[in-house]
PDB file of N, CA and C in Angstrom:
ATOM      1  N   MET A   1    -113.557 160.256  59.775  1.00  0.00           N
ATOM      2  CA  MET A   1    -112.533 161.116  59.898  1.00  0.00           C
ATOM      3  C   MET A   1    -111.663 161.059  61.220  1.00  0.00           C
ATOM      4  N   ILE A   2    -112.502 160.980  62.263  1.00  0.00           N
ATOM      5  CA  ILE A   2    -111.711 160.806  63.564  1.00  0.00           C
ATOM      6  C   ILE A   2    -110.976 159.478  63.578  1.00  0.00           C
ATOM      7  N   TYR A   3    -111.444 158.391  63.177  1.00  0.00           N
ATOM      8  CA  TYR A   3    -111.028 157.118  63.259  1.00  0.00           C
ATOM      9  C   TYR A   3    -109.645 157.295  62.319  1.00  0.00           C
ATOM     10  N   TYR A   4    -109.658 157.803  61.319  1.00  0.00           N
ATOM     11  CA  TYR A   4    -108.450 158.072  60.506  1.00  0.00           C
ATOM     12  C   TYR A   4    -107.289 158.861  61.209  1.00  0.00           C
ATOM     13  N   THR A   5    -107.644 159.739  62.070  1.00  0.00           N
ATOM     14  CA  THR A   5    -106.750 160.600  62.645  1.00  0.00           C
ATOM     15  C   THR A   5    -106.052 159.864  63.766  1.00  0.00           C
ATOM     16  N   GLN A   6    -106.926 159.124  64.454  1.00  0.00           N
ATOM     17  CA  GLN A   6    -106.556 158.348  65.554  1.00  0.00           C
ATOM     18  C   GLN A   6    -105.600 157.223  65.103  1.00  0.00           C
ATOM     19  N   SER A   7    -105.896 156.519  63.963  1.00  0.00           N
ATOM     20  CA  SER A   7    -105.027 155.432  63.482  1.00  0.00           C
ATOM     21  C   SER A   7    -103.789 156.160  62.935  1.00  0.00           C
ATOM     22  N   LEU A   8    -103.595 157.126  62.408  1.00  0.00           N
ATOM     23  CA  LEU A   8    -102.463 157.888  62.040  1.00  0.00           C
ATOM     24  C   LEU A   8    -101.617 158.187  63.122  1.00  0.00           C
ATOM     25  N   GLN A   9    -102.201 158.818  64.197  1.00  0.00           N
ATOM     26  CA  GLN A   9    -101.566 159.034  65.405  1.00  0.00           C
ATOM     27  C   GLN A   9    -100.856 157.952  66.082  1.00  0.00           C
ATOM     28  N   ILE A  10    -101.511 156.743  66.096  1.00  0.00           N
ATOM     29  CA  ILE A  10    -100.982 155.571  66.589  1.00  0.00           C
ATOM     30  C   ILE A  10     -99.937 155.019  65.844  1.00  0.00           C
ATOM     31  N   ALA A  11    -100.093 155.160  64.461  1.00  0.00           N
ATOM     32  CA  ALA A  11     -99.070 154.787  63.648  1.00  0.00           C
ATOM     33  C   ALA A  11     -97.683 155.364  63.742  1.00  0.00           C
ATOM     34  N   CYS A  12     -97.888 156.790  63.855  1.00  0.00           N
ATOM     35  CA  CYS A  12     -96.792 157.650  63.991  1.00  0.00           C
ATOM     36  C   CYS A  12     -96.151 157.361  65.435  1.00  0.00           C
ATOM     37  N   TYR A  13     -96.938 157.117  66.385  1.00  0.00           N
ATOM     38  CA  TYR A  13     -96.365 156.746  67.803  1.00  0.00           C
ATOM     39  C   TYR A  13     -95.561 155.314  67.748  1.00  0.00           C
ATOM     40  N   LEU A  14     -96.121 154.389  66.861  1.00  0.00           N
ATOM     41  CA  LEU A  14     -95.327 153.191  66.889  1.00  0.00           C
ATOM     42  C   LEU A  14     -94.221 153.201  65.901  1.00  0.00           C
ATOM     43  N   LEU A  15     -94.308 154.116  65.077  1.00  0.00           N
ATOM     44  CA  LEU A  15     -92.914 154.326  64.206  1.00  0.00           C
ATOM     45  C   LEU A  15     -91.972 155.025  64.947  1.00  0.00           C
ATOM     46  N   PHE A  16     -92.243 155.942  65.800  1.00  0.00           N
ATOM     47  CA  PHE A  16     -91.342 156.616  66.629  1.00  0.00           C
ATOM     48  C   PHE A  16     -90.723 155.731  67.797  1.00  0.00           C
ATOM     49  N   LEU A  17     -91.586 154.911  68.159  1.00  0.00           N
ATOM     50  CA  LEU A  17     -91.161 153.845  69.302  1.00  0.00           C
ATOM     51  C   LEU A  17     -90.116 152.806  68.554  1.00  0.00           C
ATOM     52  N   LEU A  18     -90.517 152.351  67.518  1.00  0.00           N
ATOM     53  CA  LEU A  18     -89.680 151.465  66.607  1.00  0.00           C
ATOM     54  C   LEU A  18     -88.332 152.298  66.454  1.00  0.00           C
ATOM     55  N   LEU A  19     -88.082 153.460  65.977  1.00  0.00           N
ATOM     56  CA  LEU A  19     -86.941 153.998  65.589  1.00  0.00           C
ATOM     57  C   LEU A  19     -86.177 154.198  66.894  1.00  0.00           C
ATOM     58  N   PHE A  20     -86.943 154.613  68.104  1.00  0.00           N
ATOM     59  CA  PHE A  20     -86.129 154.696  69.239  1.00  0.00           C
ATOM     60  C   PHE A  20     -85.581 153.431  69.686  1.00  0.00           C
ATOM     61  N   CYS A  21     -86.140 152.295  69.539  1.00  0.00           N
ATOM     62  CA  CYS A  21     -85.726 150.924  69.942  1.00  0.00           C
ATOM     63  C   CYS A  21     -84.395 150.653  69.163  1.00  0.00           C
ATOM     64  N   ILE A  22     -84.579 150.904  67.815  1.00  0.00           N
ATOM     65  CA  ILE A  22     -83.493 150.716  66.872  1.00  0.00           C
ATOM     66  C   ILE A  22     -82.213 151.626  67.177  1.00  0.00           C
ATOM     67  N   ILE A  23     -82.447 152.882  67.510  1.00  0.00           N
ATOM     68  CA  ILE A  23     -81.274 153.560  67.862  1.00  0.00           C
ATOM     69  C   ILE A  23     -80.598 153.183  69.272  1.00  0.00           C
ATOM     70  N   CYS A  24     -81.462 152.645  70.118  1.00  0.00           N
ATOM     71  CA  CYS A  24     -81.047 152.213  71.553  1.00  0.00           C
ATOM     72  C   CYS A  24     -80.185 150.937  71.306  1.00  0.00           C
ATOM     73  N   VAL A  25     -80.745 149.965  70.526  1.00  0.00           N
ATOM     74  CA  VAL A  25     -80.044 148.599  70.211  1.00  0.00           C
ATOM     75  C   VAL A  25     -78.654 149.073  69.468  1.00  0.00           C
ATOM     76  N   PHE A  26     -78.500 150.042  68.691  1.00  0.00           N
ATOM     77  CA  PHE A  26     -77.409 150.408  67.912  1.00  0.00           C
ATOM     78  C   PHE A  26     -76.383 150.981  68.910  1.00  0.00           C
ATOM     79  N   PHE A  27     -76.848 151.764  69.882  1.00  0.00           N
ATOM     80  CA  PHE A  27     -75.848 152.304  70.793  1.00  0.00           C
ATOM     81  C   PHE A  27     -75.198 151.193  71.793  1.00  0.00           C
ATOM     82  N   ALA A  28     -76.293 150.378  72.235  1.00  0.00           N
ATOM     83  CA  ALA A  28     -75.833 149.213  73.121  1.00  0.00           C
ATOM     84  C   ALA A  28     -75.020 148.453  72.399  1.00  0.00           C
ATOM     85  N   LEU A  29     -74.998 147.945  71.195  1.00  0.00           N
ATOM     86  CA  LEU A  29     -73.981 147.099  70.511  1.00  0.00           C
ATOM     87  C   LEU A  29     -72.753 148.058  70.439  1.00  0.00           C
ATOM     88  N   TYR A  30     -72.695 149.227  70.039  1.00  0.00           N
ATOM     89  CA  TYR A  30     -71.621 149.999  69.803  1.00  0.00           C
ATOM     90  C   TYR A  30     -70.793 149.997  70.982  1.00  0.00           C
ATOM     91  N   TRP A  31     -71.451 150.388  72.175  1.00  0.00           N
ATOM     92  CA  TRP A  31     -70.751 150.510  73.411  1.00  0.00           C
ATOM     93  C   TRP A  31     -70.131 149.110  73.882  1.00  0.00           C
ATOM     94  N   SER A  32     -71.032 148.130  73.648  1.00  0.00           N
ATOM     95  CA  SER A  32     -70.379 146.686  74.134  1.00  0.00           C
ATOM     96  C   SER A  32     -69.243 146.251  73.213  1.00  0.00           C
ATOM     97  N   LEU A  33     -69.243 146.554  71.825  1.00  0.00           N
ATOM     98  CA  LEU A  33     -68.237 146.154  71.057  1.00  0.00           C
ATOM     99  C   LEU A  33     -66.957 146.960  71.296  1.00  0.00           C
ATOM    100  N   SER A  34     -67.140 148.306  71.670  1.00  0.00           N
ATOM    101  CA  SER A  34     -66.050 149.066  71.786  1.00  0.00           C
ATOM    102  C   SER A  34     -65.373 148.615  73.229  1.00  0.00           C
ATOM    103  N   PHE A  35     -66.147 148.327  74.052  1.00  0.00           N
ATOM    104  CA  PHE A  35     -65.648 147.766  75.424  1.00  0.00           C
ATOM    105  C   PHE A  35     -64.973 146.480  75.316  1.00  0.00           C
ATOM    106  N   LEU A  36     -65.338 145.601  74.382  1.00  0.00           N
ATOM    107  CA  LEU A  36     -64.700 144.396  74.111  1.00  0.00           C
ATOM    108  C   LEU A  36     -63.318 144.411  73.446  1.00  0.00           C
ATOM    109  N   PHE A  37     -63.306 145.605  72.575  1.00  0.00           N
ATOM    110  CA  PHE A  37     -62.175 145.874  71.878  1.00  0.00           C
ATOM    111  C   PHE A  37     -61.172 146.446  72.988  1.00  0.00           C
ATOM    112  N   LEU A  38     -61.547 147.205  73.796  1.00  0.00           N
ATOM    113  CA  LEU A  38     -60.688 147.731  74.812  1.00  0.00           C
ATOM    114  C   LEU A  38     -60.170 146.656  75.671  1.00  0.00           C
ATOM    115  N   LEU A  39     -61.164 145.851  75.961  1.00  0.00           N
ATOM    116  CA  LEU A  39     -60.667 144.552  76.965  1.00  0.00           C
ATOM    117  C   LEU A  39     -59.678 143.783  76.237  1.00  0.00           C
ATOM    118  N   ALA A  40     -59.810 143.464  74.901  1.00  0.00           N
ATOM    119  CA  ALA A  40     -58.912 142.789  74.179  1.00  0.00           C
ATOM    120  C   ALA A  40     -57.524 143.565  74.201  1.00  0.00           C
ATOM    121  N   LYS A  41     -57.430 144.808  74.067  1.00  0.00           N
ATOM    122  CA  LYS A  41     -56.286 145.561  73.794  1.00  0.00           C
ATOM    123  C   LYS A  41     -55.585 145.495  75.199  1.00  0.00           C
ATOM    124  N   LEU A  42     -56.412 145.696  76.353  1.00  0.00           N
ATOM    125  CA  LEU A  42     -55.695 145.611  77.595  1.00  0.00           C
ATOM    126  C   LEU A  42     -55.088 144.233  77.850  1.00  0.00           C
ATOM    127  N   CYS A  43     -55.866 143.191  77.506  1.00  0.00           N
ATOM    128  CA  CYS A  43     -55.296 141.802  77.729  1.00  0.00           C
ATOM    129  C   CYS A  43     -53.940 141.521  76.897  1.00  0.00           C
ATOM    130  N   SER A  44     -53.898 142.052  75.707  1.00  0.00           N
ATOM    131  CA  SER A  44     -52.800 141.825  74.865  1.00  0.00           C
ATOM    132  C   SER A  44     -51.459 142.584  75.406  1.00  0.00           C
ATOM    133  N   VAL A  45     -51.936 143.818  76.011  1.00  0.00           N
ATOM    134  CA  VAL A  45     -50.767 144.627  76.637  1.00  0.00           C
ATOM    135  C   VAL A  45     -50.236 143.720  77.954  1.00  0.00           C
ATOM    136  N   LEU A  46     -51.125 143.161  78.604  1.00  0.00           N
ATOM    137  CA  LEU A  46     -50.737 142.520  79.940  1.00  0.00           C
ATOM    138  C   LEU A  46     -49.880 141.289  79.537  1.00  0.00           C
ATOM    139  N   ILE A  47     -50.354 140.648  78.532  1.00  0.00           N
ATOM    140  CA  ILE A  47     -49.498 139.503  78.019  1.00  0.00           C
ATOM    141  C   ILE A  47     -48.244 139.898  77.612  1.00  0.00           C
ATOM    142  N   ALA A  48     -48.193 140.957  76.732  1.00  0.00           N
ATOM    143  CA  ALA A  48     -46.885 141.335  76.350  1.00  0.00           C
ATOM    144  C   ALA A  48     -45.867 141.766  77.481  1.00  0.00           C
ATOM    145  N   LEU A  49     -46.566 142.389  78.436  1.00  0.00           N
ATOM    146  CA  LEU A  49     -45.840 142.823  79.651  1.00  0.00           C
ATOM    147  C   LEU A  49     -45.260 141.510  80.413  1.00  0.00           C
ATOM    148  N   SER A  50     -46.246 140.378  80.508  1.00  0.00           N
ATOM    149  CA  SER A  50     -45.602 139.349  81.209  1.00  0.00           C
ATOM    150  C   SER A  50     -44.351 138.602  80.504  1.00  0.00           C
ATOM    151  N   PHE A  51     -44.524 138.530  79.162  1.00  0.00           N
ATOM    152  CA  PHE A  51     -43.632 138.047  78.316  1.00  0.00           C
ATOM    153  C   PHE A  51     -42.243 138.765  78.349  1.00  0.00           C
ATOM    154  N   ALA A  52     -42.502 140.087  78.557  1.00  0.00           N
ATOM    155  CA  ALA A  52     -41.211 140.915  78.486  1.00  0.00           C
ATOM    156  C   ALA A  52     -40.497 140.581  80.002  1.00  0.00           C
ATOM    157  N   ARG A  53     -41.317 140.449  80.894  1.00  0.00           N
ATOM    158  CA  ARG A  53     -40.618 140.151  82.225  1.00  0.00           C
ATOM    159  C   ARG A  53     -40.066 138.750  82.169  1.00  0.00           C
ATOM    160  N   LEU A  54     -40.574 137.853  81.439  1.00  0.00           N
ATOM    161  CA  LEU A  54     -39.776 136.663  81.378  1.00  0.00           C
ATOM    162  C   LEU A  54     -38.485 136.703  80.576  1.00  0.00           C
ATOM    163  N   TRP A  55     -38.508 137.587  79.626  1.00  0.00           N
ATOM    164  CA  TRP A  55     -37.323 137.671  78.688  1.00  0.00           C
ATOM    165  C   TRP A  55     -36.358 138.544  79.438  1.00  0.00           C
ATOM    166  N   GLY A  56     -36.467 139.322  80.443  1.00  0.00           N
ATOM    167  CA  GLY A  56     -35.648 140.257  81.046  1.00  0.00           C
ATOM    168  C   GLY A  56     -35.914 141.559  80.821  1.00  0.00           C
ATOM    169  N   SER A  57     -35.171 142.284  81.821  1.00  0.00           N
ATOM    170  CA  SER A  57     -35.365 143.736  81.900  1.00  0.00           C
ATOM    171  C   SER A  57     -34.997 144.597  80.562  1.00  0.00           C
ATOM    172  N   ASN A  58     -33.976 143.992  79.780  1.00  0.00           N
ATOM    173  CA  ASN A  58     -33.463 144.684  78.625  1.00  0.00           C
ATOM    174  C   ASN A  58     -34.602 144.900  77.621  1.00  0.00           C
ATOM    175  N   VAL A  59     -35.592 144.134  77.809  1.00  0.00           N
ATOM    176  CA  VAL A  59     -36.704 144.008  76.805  1.00  0.00           C
ATOM    177  C   VAL A  59     -37.438 145.308  76.746  1.00  0.00           C
ATOM    178  N   TYR A  60     -37.595 146.015  78.100  1.00  0.00           N
ATOM    179  CA  TYR A  60     -38.115 147.063  78.381  1.00  0.00           C
ATOM    180  C   TYR A  60     -37.378 148.336  77.672  1.00  0.00           C
ATOM    181  N   GLU A  61     -36.071 148.164  77.443  1.00  0.00           N
ATOM    182  CA  GLU A  61     -35.413 149.237  76.921  1.00  0.00           C
ATOM    183  C   GLU A  61     -35.352 149.101  75.193  1.00  0.00           C
ATOM    184  N   ASN A  62     -35.840 147.991  74.878  1.00  0.00           N
ATOM    185  CA  ASN A  62     -35.678 147.783  73.296  1.00  0.00           C
ATOM    186  C   ASN A  62     -36.931 147.847  72.674  1.00  0.00           C
ATOM    187  N   TYR A  63     -37.984 147.580  73.440  1.00  0.00           N
ATOM    188  CA  TYR A  63     -39.337 147.464  72.878  1.00  0.00           C
ATOM    189  C   TYR A  63     -40.183 148.813  73.604  1.00  0.00           C
ATOM    190  N   VAL A  64     -41.204 149.299  72.835  1.00  0.00           N
ATOM    191  CA  VAL A  64     -42.241 150.179  73.248  1.00  0.00           C
ATOM    192  C   VAL A  64     -43.489 149.617  73.112  1.00  0.00           C
ATOM    193  N   PHE A  65     -44.464 149.690  74.169  1.00  0.00           N
ATOM    194  CA  PHE A  65     -45.746 148.929  73.940  1.00  0.00           C
ATOM    195  C   PHE A  65     -46.718 149.988  73.550  1.00  0.00           C
ATOM    196  N   THR A  66     -47.338 149.928  72.371  1.00  0.00           N
ATOM    197  CA  THR A  66     -48.155 151.040  72.015  1.00  0.00           C
ATOM    198  C   THR A  66     -49.385 150.193  71.365  1.00  0.00           C
ATOM    199  N   ALA A  67     -50.576 150.531  71.742  1.00  0.00           N
ATOM    200  CA  ALA A  67     -52.026 150.048  71.220  1.00  0.00           C
ATOM    201  C   ALA A  67     -51.925 148.508  71.440  1.00  0.00           C
ATOM    202  N   GLY A  68     -51.358 147.947  72.486  1.00  0.00           N
ATOM    203  CA  GLY A  68     -51.366 146.602  72.689  1.00  0.00           C
ATOM    204  C   GLY A  68     -50.408 145.632  71.872  1.00  0.00           C
ATOM    205  N   PHE A  69     -49.438 146.282  71.170  1.00  0.00           N
ATOM    206  CA  PHE A  69     -48.506 145.582  70.409  1.00  0.00           C
ATOM    207  C   PHE A  69     -47.065 146.184  70.703  1.00  0.00           C
ATOM    208  N   MET A  70     -46.083 145.065  70.674  1.00  0.00           N
ATOM    209  CA  MET A  70     -44.666 145.633  70.891  1.00  0.00           C
ATOM    210  C   MET A  70     -43.970 145.991  69.623  1.00  0.00           C
ATOM    211  N   GLU A  71     -43.466 147.101  69.589  1.00  0.00           N
ATOM    212  CA  GLU A  71     -42.777 147.622  68.493  1.00  0.00           C
ATOM    213  C   GLU A  71     -41.148 147.815  68.870  1.00  0.00           C
ATOM    214  N   LYS A  72     -40.430 147.501  68.072  1.00  0.00           N
ATOM    215  CA  LYS A  72     -39.022 147.359  68.204  1.00  0.00           C
ATOM    216  C   LYS A  72     -38.545 148.743  68.214  1.00  0.00           C
ATOM    217  N   LEU A  73     -37.817 149.380  68.955  1.00  0.00           N
ATOM    218  CA  LEU A  73     -36.997 150.626  68.828  1.00  0.00           C
ATOM    219  C   LEU A  73     -35.682 150.483  68.066  1.00  0.00           C
ATOM    220  N   ASP A  74     -35.596 151.533  67.172  1.00  0.00           N
ATOM    221  CA  ASP A  74     -34.379 151.424  66.233  1.00  0.00           C
ATOM    222  C   ASP A  74     -33.198 152.200  67.071  1.00  0.00           C
TER     223      ASP A  74
END
């Protein structure tokens, strides 16, 4: 009976450890992917601003930069 209780306790401990590792990996992937999306959005804004500077200053008045994309103002 003692052996069964110890093995059940070890199995519960290992299950908890596995669940904890899965949660940690999930959050690490989530934060890294959100960081990559944020970095891609920032790069697209910087590229759009550099093209706007090449086109001239009137582009700043005709376009608005939202979420990394240029949208034409009506």
